[in-house]
Amino acid sequence: MILKEVNFEIQLETERLIVRSLRKEDYPNWLTEFESRKPSQHRHDEGKKDMSECTEEWFVKLIAKHRELAANDIAYILGAFRKSDNKHIGMIDFSTLERMDFQWGRIGYTIHNQHWRMGYGKEAVKAALRIAQKDLGFHRIEAHINVDNTASMKLAESAGMKFECKREGFIFEFGEWTDNLIYFINLNDISSSFNED
């Protein structure tokens, strides 16, 4: 099954966050939070980035690219925004791995490091998983995590994902084929737990 019609206004509210696709009016908050990042905290945290090329025109093109990816069922990219002040907390994305009899996707997540250790990651990922089930039609979601990325493992576990295996030589990064730990969740099995803390 490929989704025939994509709702670009998919949105889910939690106690503190709104998880949804980016909009043109998000540009100032989006840019400010990238520029407010602390220096990198570990090798899997990009930390501060050069945002000089990220003009408002560039941002509008980024949103158009997100919509194209979603329309073709390739990827779905969502922002997490704090309800109290609309600050952009981070991003969650889903990539379609296989539809047909699998309904299988991969999740990625990035929380700006100035917002770490406040529970926003868990809240955002759990909301995104609900979107993956209800709006995107996925059954199985995997997180592919570097073997030394403890923070990502803890976030996956806190959102209800379980460790499955280590895939050796799974992804080419850092100039070599590296291992990944696979965490997964079958969304149909745990839908009642989405409302739990």
N, C-alpha and C. Protein backbone atom coordinates (compact mmCIF):
# COMPACT_ATOMS: atom_id res chain seq x y z
N MET A 1 0.84 -1.18 0.00
CA MET A 1 0.00 0.00 0.00
C MET A 1 0.88 1.24 0.00
N ILE A 2 0.64 2.15 -0.92
CA ILE A 2 1.27 3.47 -0.92
C ILE A 2 0.17 4.47 -0.66
N LEU A 3 0.42 5.42 0.22
CA LEU A 3 -0.59 6.42 0.51
C LEU A 3 -0.87 7.23 -0.75
N LYS A 4 -2.15 7.27 -1.16
CA LYS A 4 -2.50 7.92 -2.41
C LYS A 4 -2.64 9.43 -2.23
N GLU A 5 -3.01 9.87 -1.05
CA GLU A 5 -3.18 11.29 -0.81
C GLU A 5 -2.49 11.64 0.49
N VAL A 6 -1.64 12.63 0.44
CA VAL A 6 -0.86 13.01 1.61
C VAL A 6 -1.46 14.27 2.22
N ASN A 7 -1.72 14.21 3.51
CA ASN A 7 -2.19 15.38 4.24
C ASN A 7 -0.96 16.10 4.79
N PHE A 8 -0.64 17.25 4.22
CA PHE A 8 0.57 17.96 4.62
C PHE A 8 0.38 18.70 5.93
N GLU A 9 -0.81 18.68 6.47
CA GLU A 9 -1.05 19.36 7.73
C GLU A 9 -1.21 18.36 8.88
N ILE A 10 -0.59 17.22 8.77
CA ILE A 10 -0.60 16.25 9.87
C ILE A 10 -0.03 16.92 11.11
N GLN A 11 -0.74 16.75 12.22
CA GLN A 11 -0.32 17.41 13.45
C GLN A 11 -0.82 16.63 14.64
N LEU A 12 -0.02 16.58 15.68
CA LEU A 12 -0.43 15.94 16.93
C LEU A 12 0.10 16.76 18.09
N GLU A 13 -0.77 17.04 19.05
CA GLU A 13 -0.37 17.79 20.23
C GLU A 13 -0.17 16.85 21.40
N THR A 14 0.85 17.15 22.20
CA THR A 14 1.09 16.45 23.45
C THR A 14 0.90 17.47 24.58
N GLU A 15 1.28 17.09 25.77
CA GLU A 15 1.14 18.02 26.89
C GLU A 15 1.91 19.33 26.65
N ARG A 16 3.13 19.21 26.10
CA ARG A 16 3.98 20.40 25.95
C ARG A 16 4.35 20.73 24.51
N LEU A 17 4.11 19.81 23.58
CA LEU A 17 4.62 19.96 22.22
C LEU A 17 3.54 19.86 21.16
N ILE A 18 3.85 20.40 19.99
CA ILE A 18 3.09 20.14 18.77
C ILE A 18 4.07 19.53 17.77
N VAL A 19 3.73 18.37 17.24
CA VAL A 19 4.57 17.70 16.25
C VAL A 19 3.84 17.78 14.92
N ARG A 20 4.51 18.38 13.91
CA ARG A 20 3.85 18.61 12.63
C ARG A 20 4.89 18.92 11.56
N SER A 21 4.43 19.00 10.32
CA SER A 21 5.32 19.39 9.22
C SER A 21 5.64 20.88 9.33
N LEU A 22 6.75 21.27 8.72
CA LEU A 22 7.18 22.67 8.75
C LEU A 22 6.30 23.53 7.86
N ARG A 23 6.17 24.79 8.26
CA ARG A 23 5.43 25.80 7.48
C ARG A 23 6.33 27.01 7.26
N LYS A 24 6.03 27.79 6.26
CA LYS A 24 6.85 28.95 5.93
C LYS A 24 7.02 29.88 7.13
N GLU A 25 5.96 30.07 7.92
CA GLU A 25 6.01 30.99 9.05
C GLU A 25 6.87 30.48 10.21
N ASP A 26 7.33 29.22 10.12
CA ASP A 26 8.21 28.65 11.16
C ASP A 26 9.65 29.14 11.02
N TYR A 27 9.97 29.77 9.90
CA TYR A 27 11.38 30.08 9.61
C TYR A 27 12.11 30.80 10.74
N PRO A 28 11.59 31.89 11.30
CA PRO A 28 12.36 32.58 12.35
C PRO A 28 12.67 31.69 13.55
N ASN A 29 11.67 30.94 14.04
CA ASN A 29 11.90 30.06 15.20
C ASN A 29 12.83 28.91 14.85
N TRP A 30 12.67 28.37 13.66
CA TRP A 30 13.53 27.27 13.20
C TRP A 30 14.98 27.73 13.16
N LEU A 31 15.24 28.89 12.56
CA LEU A 31 16.59 29.40 12.43
C LEU A 31 17.19 29.75 13.79
N THR A 32 16.41 30.41 14.63
CA THR A 32 16.90 30.82 15.95
C THR A 32 17.37 29.62 16.76
N GLU A 33 16.62 28.53 16.72
CA GLU A 33 16.98 27.37 17.54
C GLU A 33 18.21 26.65 17.00
N PHE A 34 18.39 26.62 15.68
CA PHE A 34 19.63 26.08 15.14
C PHE A 34 20.81 26.95 15.54
N GLU A 35 20.62 28.26 15.49
CA GLU A 35 21.71 29.18 15.84
C GLU A 35 21.99 29.20 17.34
N SER A 36 21.03 28.74 18.15
CA SER A 36 21.19 28.74 19.61
C SER A 36 21.78 27.44 20.15
N ARG A 37 22.09 26.51 19.26
CA ARG A 37 22.69 25.25 19.72
C ARG A 37 24.00 25.50 20.46
N LYS A 38 24.24 24.66 21.46
CA LYS A 38 25.53 24.65 22.14
C LYS A 38 26.55 23.94 21.26
N PRO A 39 27.84 24.08 21.56
CA PRO A 39 28.84 23.29 20.83
C PRO A 39 28.54 21.80 20.95
N SER A 40 29.05 21.02 20.02
CA SER A 40 28.79 19.57 20.01
C SER A 40 29.11 18.94 21.36
N GLN A 41 28.20 18.10 21.84
CA GLN A 41 28.36 17.44 23.13
C GLN A 41 29.01 16.05 23.00
N HIS A 42 28.92 15.46 21.81
CA HIS A 42 29.58 14.18 21.52
C HIS A 42 29.59 14.00 20.00
N ARG A 43 30.20 12.95 19.51
CA ARG A 43 30.42 12.85 18.07
C ARG A 43 29.15 12.65 17.25
N HIS A 44 28.05 12.29 17.90
CA HIS A 44 26.79 12.14 17.18
C HIS A 44 25.90 13.38 17.31
N ASP A 45 26.42 14.42 17.88
CA ASP A 45 25.70 15.69 18.03
C ASP A 45 26.40 16.73 17.15
N GLU A 46 25.68 17.23 16.15
CA GLU A 46 26.27 18.22 15.24
C GLU A 46 26.63 19.52 15.95
N GLY A 47 25.92 19.84 17.01
CA GLY A 47 26.18 21.09 17.70
C GLY A 47 25.90 22.28 16.80
N LYS A 48 26.65 23.35 17.03
CA LYS A 48 26.47 24.57 16.22
C LYS A 48 26.81 24.30 14.77
N LYS A 49 26.02 24.88 13.86
CA LYS A 49 26.24 24.73 12.42
C LYS A 49 26.29 26.10 11.78
N ASP A 50 26.95 26.17 10.65
CA ASP A 50 26.94 27.40 9.85
C ASP A 50 25.59 27.47 9.12
N MET A 51 24.78 28.43 9.49
CA MET A 51 23.43 28.55 8.93
C MET A 51 23.34 29.68 7.90
N SER A 52 24.49 30.18 7.43
CA SER A 52 24.49 31.36 6.56
C SER A 52 23.74 31.14 5.25
N GLU A 53 23.74 29.92 4.74
CA GLU A 53 23.03 29.67 3.47
C GLU A 53 21.54 29.44 3.67
N CYS A 54 21.09 29.34 4.92
CA CYS A 54 19.70 28.98 5.21
C CYS A 54 18.82 30.23 5.26
N THR A 55 18.65 30.84 4.10
CA THR A 55 17.79 32.01 3.99
C THR A 55 16.33 31.59 4.01
N GLU A 56 15.44 32.56 4.07
CA GLU A 56 14.01 32.24 4.03
C GLU A 56 13.64 31.59 2.71
N GLU A 57 14.24 32.04 1.62
CA GLU A 57 14.00 31.42 0.31
C GLU A 57 14.45 29.96 0.32
N TRP A 58 15.61 29.70 0.89
CA TRP A 58 16.13 28.33 1.02
C TRP A 58 15.15 27.48 1.82
N PHE A 59 14.61 28.05 2.90
CA PHE A 59 13.68 27.34 3.78
C PHE A 59 12.40 26.96 3.03
N VAL A 60 11.88 27.87 2.21
CA VAL A 60 10.68 27.59 1.42
C VAL A 60 10.94 26.41 0.47
N LYS A 61 12.13 26.38 -0.12
CA LYS A 61 12.49 25.25 -1.00
C LYS A 61 12.61 23.96 -0.20
N LEU A 62 13.12 24.05 1.03
CA LEU A 62 13.22 22.87 1.90
C LEU A 62 11.83 22.30 2.17
N ILE A 63 10.87 23.16 2.47
CA ILE A 63 9.50 22.70 2.72
C ILE A 63 8.93 22.04 1.47
N ALA A 64 9.19 22.61 0.31
CA ALA A 64 8.72 22.01 -0.95
C ALA A 64 9.33 20.63 -1.14
N LYS A 65 10.61 20.47 -0.80
CA LYS A 65 11.27 19.17 -0.91
C LYS A 65 10.63 18.17 0.05
N HIS A 66 10.33 18.61 1.28
CA HIS A 66 9.66 17.74 2.25
C HIS A 66 8.33 17.24 1.69
N ARG A 67 7.59 18.15 1.07
CA ARG A 67 6.28 17.78 0.51
C ARG A 67 6.42 16.79 -0.65
N GLU A 68 7.45 16.99 -1.45
CA GLU A 68 7.69 16.07 -2.57
C GLU A 68 8.03 14.67 -2.05
N LEU A 69 8.88 14.60 -1.04
CA LEU A 69 9.24 13.30 -0.45
C LEU A 69 8.01 12.60 0.12
N ALA A 70 7.16 13.38 0.79
CA ALA A 70 5.94 12.79 1.37
C ALA A 70 4.98 12.34 0.28
N ALA A 71 4.81 13.15 -0.77
CA ALA A 71 3.89 12.81 -1.85
C ALA A 71 4.30 11.51 -2.55
N ASN A 72 5.61 11.24 -2.55
CA ASN A 72 6.12 10.01 -3.16
C ASN A 72 6.35 8.89 -2.16
N ASP A 73 5.88 9.07 -0.94
CA ASP A 73 5.99 8.06 0.13
C ASP A 73 7.44 7.63 0.35
N ILE A 74 8.36 8.58 0.21
CA ILE A 74 9.78 8.30 0.44
C ILE A 74 10.15 8.63 1.88
N ALA A 75 9.74 9.81 2.34
CA ALA A 75 10.07 10.24 3.70
C ALA A 75 9.05 11.26 4.17
N TYR A 76 8.90 11.34 5.49
CA TYR A 76 8.00 12.28 6.14
C TYR A 76 8.81 12.98 7.22
N ILE A 77 8.91 14.31 7.13
CA ILE A 77 9.76 15.07 8.02
C ILE A 77 8.89 16.01 8.85
N LEU A 78 9.02 15.89 10.17
CA LEU A 78 8.17 16.62 11.10
C LEU A 78 9.02 17.46 12.04
N GLY A 79 8.50 18.61 12.41
CA GLY A 79 9.14 19.44 13.42
C GLY A 79 8.43 19.27 14.75
N ALA A 80 9.17 19.46 15.84
CA ALA A 80 8.59 19.47 17.17
C ALA A 80 8.69 20.89 17.71
N PHE A 81 7.56 21.46 18.13
CA PHE A 81 7.49 22.84 18.59
C PHE A 81 6.92 22.88 20.01
N ARG A 82 7.52 23.70 20.85
CA ARG A 82 7.01 23.85 22.21
C ARG A 82 5.76 24.71 22.19
N LYS A 83 4.69 24.23 22.82
CA LYS A 83 3.41 24.92 22.76
C LYS A 83 3.46 26.28 23.45
N SER A 84 4.21 26.41 24.52
CA SER A 84 4.18 27.63 25.32
C SER A 84 4.75 28.84 24.58
N ASP A 85 5.73 28.63 23.68
CA ASP A 85 6.37 29.76 23.00
C ASP A 85 6.70 29.49 21.53
N ASN A 86 6.26 28.35 21.02
CA ASN A 86 6.45 27.96 19.61
C ASN A 86 7.92 27.74 19.25
N LYS A 87 8.80 27.55 20.23
CA LYS A 87 10.20 27.27 19.92
C LYS A 87 10.33 25.93 19.21
N HIS A 88 11.21 25.89 18.21
CA HIS A 88 11.49 24.67 17.46
C HIS A 88 12.45 23.82 18.29
N ILE A 89 11.96 22.68 18.76
CA ILE A 89 12.74 21.82 19.67
C ILE A 89 13.63 20.86 18.90
N GLY A 90 13.14 20.37 17.75
CA GLY A 90 13.91 19.40 16.97
C GLY A 90 13.10 18.85 15.82
N MET A 91 13.62 17.77 15.22
CA MET A 91 13.00 17.16 14.04
C MET A 91 12.89 15.65 14.24
N ILE A 92 11.84 15.09 13.66
CA ILE A 92 11.67 13.64 13.59
C ILE A 92 11.35 13.32 12.14
N ASP A 93 11.95 12.26 11.61
CA ASP A 93 11.65 11.88 10.23
C ASP A 93 11.39 10.39 10.14
N PHE A 94 10.55 10.03 9.19
CA PHE A 94 10.28 8.63 8.86
C PHE A 94 10.67 8.39 7.40
N SER A 95 11.38 7.31 7.15
CA SER A 95 11.68 6.87 5.79
C SER A 95 10.93 5.58 5.53
N THR A 96 10.30 5.47 4.38
CA THR A 96 9.61 4.23 4.02
C THR A 96 10.64 3.20 3.56
N LEU A 97 10.68 2.06 4.22
CA LEU A 97 11.58 0.97 3.82
C LEU A 97 10.86 -0.01 2.89
N GLU A 98 9.62 -0.36 3.22
CA GLU A 98 8.85 -1.30 2.39
C GLU A 98 7.38 -1.15 2.75
N ARG A 99 6.53 -1.10 1.75
CA ARG A 99 5.09 -1.09 1.99
C ARG A 99 4.56 -2.52 1.81
N MET A 100 3.68 -2.73 0.85
CA MET A 100 3.12 -4.05 0.56
C MET A 100 2.65 -4.72 1.85
N ASP A 101 3.16 -5.93 2.13
CA ASP A 101 2.73 -6.69 3.30
C ASP A 101 3.51 -6.34 4.56
N PHE A 102 4.37 -5.33 4.50
CA PHE A 102 5.25 -5.03 5.62
C PHE A 102 4.87 -3.73 6.35
N GLN A 103 4.58 -2.67 5.62
CA GLN A 103 4.31 -1.36 6.22
C GLN A 103 5.43 -0.99 7.20
N TRP A 104 6.63 -0.96 6.67
CA TRP A 104 7.87 -0.91 7.45
C TRP A 104 8.61 0.38 7.18
N GLY A 105 8.97 1.08 8.25
CA GLY A 105 9.69 2.34 8.09
C GLY A 105 10.81 2.49 9.11
N ARG A 106 11.60 3.54 8.90
CA ARG A 106 12.71 3.86 9.80
C ARG A 106 12.47 5.25 10.39
N ILE A 107 12.80 5.42 11.65
CA ILE A 107 12.67 6.71 12.31
C ILE A 107 14.05 7.31 12.57
N GLY A 108 14.15 8.61 12.42
CA GLY A 108 15.32 9.36 12.82
C GLY A 108 14.86 10.54 13.67
N TYR A 109 15.68 11.00 14.58
CA TYR A 109 15.28 12.12 15.43
C TYR A 109 16.50 12.94 15.84
N THR A 110 16.28 14.24 15.94
CA THR A 110 17.30 15.18 16.38
C THR A 110 16.63 16.20 17.28
N ILE A 111 17.10 16.31 18.50
CA ILE A 111 16.64 17.35 19.42
C ILE A 111 17.79 18.34 19.60
N HIS A 112 17.51 19.63 19.40
CA HIS A 112 18.56 20.63 19.59
C HIS A 112 19.14 20.50 20.99
N ASN A 113 20.47 20.53 21.09
CA ASN A 113 21.10 20.19 22.37
C ASN A 113 20.82 21.18 23.51
N GLN A 114 20.35 22.37 23.19
CA GLN A 114 19.97 23.29 24.27
C GLN A 114 18.65 22.89 24.93
N HIS A 115 17.98 21.88 24.34
CA HIS A 115 16.70 21.39 24.90
C HIS A 115 16.82 19.96 25.43
N TRP A 116 18.03 19.47 25.61
CA TRP A 116 18.21 18.12 26.14
C TRP A 116 17.86 18.07 27.63
N ARG A 117 17.60 16.84 28.07
CA ARG A 117 17.37 16.50 29.47
C ARG A 117 16.13 17.19 30.05
N MET A 118 15.15 17.40 29.21
CA MET A 118 13.88 17.97 29.66
C MET A 118 12.70 17.06 29.31
N GLY A 119 13.00 15.89 28.73
CA GLY A 119 11.94 14.96 28.36
C GLY A 119 11.28 15.26 27.03
N TYR A 120 11.76 16.26 26.31
CA TYR A 120 11.14 16.61 25.03
C TYR A 120 11.34 15.52 23.98
N GLY A 121 12.50 14.87 24.00
CA GLY A 121 12.78 13.83 23.01
C GLY A 121 11.78 12.70 23.10
N LYS A 122 11.57 12.19 24.30
CA LYS A 122 10.61 11.10 24.51
C LYS A 122 9.22 11.53 24.07
N GLU A 123 8.81 12.73 24.48
CA GLU A 123 7.47 13.23 24.17
C GLU A 123 7.28 13.38 22.66
N ALA A 124 8.30 13.92 21.99
CA ALA A 124 8.21 14.13 20.54
C ALA A 124 8.20 12.82 19.77
N VAL A 125 9.08 11.89 20.15
CA VAL A 125 9.16 10.61 19.44
C VAL A 125 7.89 9.80 19.63
N LYS A 126 7.35 9.77 20.85
CA LYS A 126 6.10 9.03 21.07
C LYS A 126 4.96 9.61 20.23
N ALA A 127 4.91 10.95 20.14
CA ALA A 127 3.88 11.57 19.31
C ALA A 127 4.08 11.22 17.85
N ALA A 128 5.33 11.26 17.40
CA ALA A 128 5.62 10.94 16.00
C ALA A 128 5.26 9.49 15.69
N LEU A 129 5.50 8.58 16.61
CA LEU A 129 5.14 7.18 16.39
C LEU A 129 3.62 7.01 16.24
N ARG A 130 2.89 7.80 16.98
CA ARG A 130 1.43 7.75 16.83
C ARG A 130 1.03 8.24 15.44
N ILE A 131 1.68 9.31 14.97
CA ILE A 131 1.44 9.80 13.61
C ILE A 131 1.79 8.72 12.59
N ALA A 132 2.91 8.02 12.82
CA ALA A 132 3.33 6.95 11.90
C ALA A 132 2.28 5.87 11.77
N GLN A 133 1.62 5.56 12.87
CA GLN A 133 0.58 4.54 12.83
C GLN A 133 -0.73 5.07 12.26
N LYS A 134 -1.23 6.18 12.81
CA LYS A 134 -2.57 6.65 12.47
C LYS A 134 -2.64 7.34 11.12
N ASP A 135 -1.62 8.13 10.81
CA ASP A 135 -1.69 8.96 9.60
C ASP A 135 -0.87 8.40 8.44
N LEU A 136 0.21 7.70 8.75
CA LEU A 136 1.11 7.23 7.70
C LEU A 136 0.97 5.74 7.41
N GLY A 137 0.25 5.01 8.25
CA GLY A 137 -0.06 3.62 7.96
C GLY A 137 1.07 2.64 8.19
N PHE A 138 2.08 3.01 8.97
CA PHE A 138 3.17 2.07 9.24
C PHE A 138 2.77 1.07 10.32
N HIS A 139 3.32 -0.12 10.21
CA HIS A 139 3.15 -1.14 11.25
C HIS A 139 4.43 -1.28 12.07
N ARG A 140 5.57 -1.44 11.38
CA ARG A 140 6.85 -1.63 12.07
C ARG A 140 7.74 -0.42 11.81
N ILE A 141 8.31 0.11 12.88
CA ILE A 141 9.27 1.20 12.78
C ILE A 141 10.58 0.76 13.43
N GLU A 142 11.68 1.02 12.73
CA GLU A 142 13.01 0.72 13.25
C GLU A 142 13.79 2.01 13.47
N ALA A 143 14.65 2.01 14.48
CA ALA A 143 15.68 3.04 14.65
C ALA A 143 17.02 2.35 14.44
N HIS A 144 17.86 2.93 13.61
CA HIS A 144 19.20 2.39 13.32
C HIS A 144 20.20 3.27 14.06
N ILE A 145 20.85 2.74 15.07
CA ILE A 145 21.61 3.55 16.02
C ILE A 145 23.07 3.10 16.08
N ASN A 146 23.98 4.07 16.03
CA ASN A 146 25.40 3.75 16.17
C ASN A 146 25.65 3.08 17.52
N VAL A 147 26.59 2.14 17.53
CA VAL A 147 26.80 1.30 18.71
C VAL A 147 27.28 2.10 19.92
N ASP A 148 27.82 3.31 19.71
CA ASP A 148 28.29 4.12 20.83
C ASP A 148 27.38 5.31 21.13
N ASN A 149 26.18 5.34 20.52
CA ASN A 149 25.27 6.47 20.73
C ASN A 149 24.29 6.13 21.85
N THR A 150 24.78 6.18 23.07
CA THR A 150 23.98 5.80 24.24
C THR A 150 22.75 6.67 24.38
N ALA A 151 22.87 7.95 24.12
CA ALA A 151 21.72 8.86 24.27
C ALA A 151 20.58 8.46 23.35
N SER A 152 20.90 8.08 22.11
CA SER A 152 19.87 7.68 21.16
C SER A 152 19.22 6.36 21.59
N MET A 153 20.02 5.44 22.11
CA MET A 153 19.46 4.17 22.61
C MET A 153 18.47 4.42 23.74
N LYS A 154 18.86 5.29 24.68
CA LYS A 154 17.98 5.59 25.81
C LYS A 154 16.69 6.26 25.35
N LEU A 155 16.78 7.13 24.35
CA LEU A 155 15.58 7.78 23.84
C LEU A 155 14.66 6.77 23.17
N ALA A 156 15.23 5.89 22.35
CA ALA A 156 14.41 4.85 21.70
C ALA A 156 13.70 3.99 22.73
N GLU A 157 14.42 3.57 23.75
CA GLU A 157 13.83 2.73 24.80
C GLU A 157 12.74 3.48 25.56
N SER A 158 12.98 4.77 25.85
CA SER A 158 12.00 5.55 26.61
C SER A 158 10.70 5.74 25.82
N ALA A 159 10.80 5.68 24.49
CA ALA A 159 9.61 5.82 23.64
C ALA A 159 8.93 4.48 23.37
N GLY A 160 9.43 3.41 23.97
CA GLY A 160 8.78 2.10 23.84
C GLY A 160 9.40 1.16 22.83
N MET A 161 10.53 1.54 22.24
CA MET A 161 11.19 0.68 21.27
C MET A 161 12.07 -0.35 21.98
N LYS A 162 12.25 -1.50 21.34
CA LYS A 162 13.02 -2.60 21.94
C LYS A 162 14.24 -2.91 21.07
N PHE A 163 15.33 -3.30 21.74
CA PHE A 163 16.53 -3.73 21.02
C PHE A 163 16.25 -5.05 20.33
N GLU A 164 16.63 -5.15 19.07
CA GLU A 164 16.44 -6.40 18.32
C GLU A 164 17.76 -7.08 17.99
N CYS A 165 18.72 -6.34 17.40
CA CYS A 165 19.94 -6.99 16.95
C CYS A 165 21.00 -5.94 16.61
N LYS A 166 22.18 -6.43 16.31
CA LYS A 166 23.22 -5.58 15.74
C LYS A 166 23.41 -6.00 14.30
N ARG A 167 23.35 -5.04 13.36
CA ARG A 167 23.61 -5.31 11.96
C ARG A 167 25.03 -4.84 11.66
N GLU A 168 25.87 -5.77 11.27
CA GLU A 168 27.29 -5.47 11.08
C GLU A 168 27.53 -4.87 9.70
N GLY A 169 28.42 -3.87 9.66
CA GLY A 169 28.75 -3.20 8.40
C GLY A 169 27.51 -2.68 7.70
N PHE A 170 26.62 -2.06 8.44
CA PHE A 170 25.27 -1.76 7.94
C PHE A 170 25.19 -0.43 7.20
N ILE A 171 25.97 0.57 7.63
CA ILE A 171 25.85 1.91 7.02
C ILE A 171 27.25 2.48 6.79
N PHE A 172 27.41 3.17 5.68
CA PHE A 172 28.70 3.78 5.36
C PHE A 172 28.72 5.20 5.92
N GLU A 173 29.48 5.41 6.98
CA GLU A 173 29.65 6.74 7.56
C GLU A 173 30.98 6.79 8.28
N PHE A 174 31.45 8.00 8.56
CA PHE A 174 32.78 8.19 9.16
C PHE A 174 33.86 7.54 8.30
N GLY A 175 33.60 7.43 6.97
CA GLY A 175 34.59 6.89 6.06
C GLY A 175 34.70 5.38 6.05
N GLU A 176 33.75 4.67 6.64
CA GLU A 176 33.83 3.20 6.66
C GLU A 176 32.43 2.62 6.86
N TRP A 177 32.31 1.32 6.61
CA TRP A 177 31.06 0.61 6.87
C TRP A 177 31.00 0.31 8.37
N THR A 178 29.97 0.83 9.02
CA THR A 178 29.88 0.72 10.47
C THR A 178 28.67 -0.10 10.89
N ASP A 179 28.75 -0.64 12.09
CA ASP A 179 27.66 -1.42 12.67
C ASP A 179 26.56 -0.49 13.20
N ASN A 180 25.34 -0.97 13.20
CA ASN A 180 24.21 -0.27 13.83
C ASN A 180 23.46 -1.23 14.73
N LEU A 181 22.95 -0.69 15.82
CA LEU A 181 22.02 -1.43 16.67
C LEU A 181 20.62 -1.12 16.18
N ILE A 182 19.79 -2.16 16.11
CA ILE A 182 18.43 -2.01 15.60
C ILE A 182 17.45 -2.07 16.77
N TYR A 183 16.71 -0.98 16.92
CA TYR A 183 15.60 -0.93 17.87
C TYR A 183 14.32 -0.89 17.04
N PHE A 184 13.25 -1.49 17.54
CA PHE A 184 12.02 -1.55 16.74
C PHE A 184 10.79 -1.42 17.63
N ILE A 185 9.70 -1.12 16.96
CA ILE A 185 8.39 -1.13 17.61
C ILE A 185 7.36 -1.54 16.57
N ASN A 186 6.47 -2.45 16.95
CA ASN A 186 5.32 -2.80 16.11
C ASN A 186 4.14 -1.98 16.61
N LEU A 187 3.74 -1.00 15.83
CA LEU A 187 2.80 0.01 16.31
C LEU A 187 1.43 -0.56 16.62
N ASN A 188 0.97 -1.55 15.88
CA ASN A 188 -0.36 -2.11 16.14
C ASN A 188 -0.43 -2.83 17.47
N ASP A 189 0.73 -3.28 17.98
CA ASP A 189 0.75 -4.04 19.23
C ASP A 189 0.70 -3.16 20.47
N ILE A 190 1.04 -1.90 20.32
CA ILE A 190 1.18 -1.07 21.51
C ILE A 190 0.39 0.23 21.43
N SER A 191 -0.61 0.30 20.59
CA SER A 191 -1.34 1.56 20.39
C SER A 191 -1.92 2.09 21.70
N SER A 192 -2.30 1.22 22.63
CA SER A 192 -2.88 1.69 23.88
C SER A 192 -1.85 2.37 24.77
N SER A 193 -0.56 2.12 24.54
CA SER A 193 0.47 2.70 25.40
C SER A 193 0.86 4.11 24.99
N PHE A 194 0.36 4.60 23.85
CA PHE A 194 0.75 5.92 23.38
C PHE A 194 0.32 7.02 24.35
N ASN A 195 -0.73 6.77 25.10
CA ASN A 195 -1.21 7.81 26.01
C ASN A 195 -0.52 7.76 27.37
N GLU A 196 0.34 6.78 27.56
CA GLU A 196 1.04 6.68 28.84
C GLU A 196 2.24 7.59 28.85
N ASP A 197 2.70 7.96 30.02
CA ASP A 197 3.91 8.79 30.15
C ASP A 197 5.14 7.95 29.91
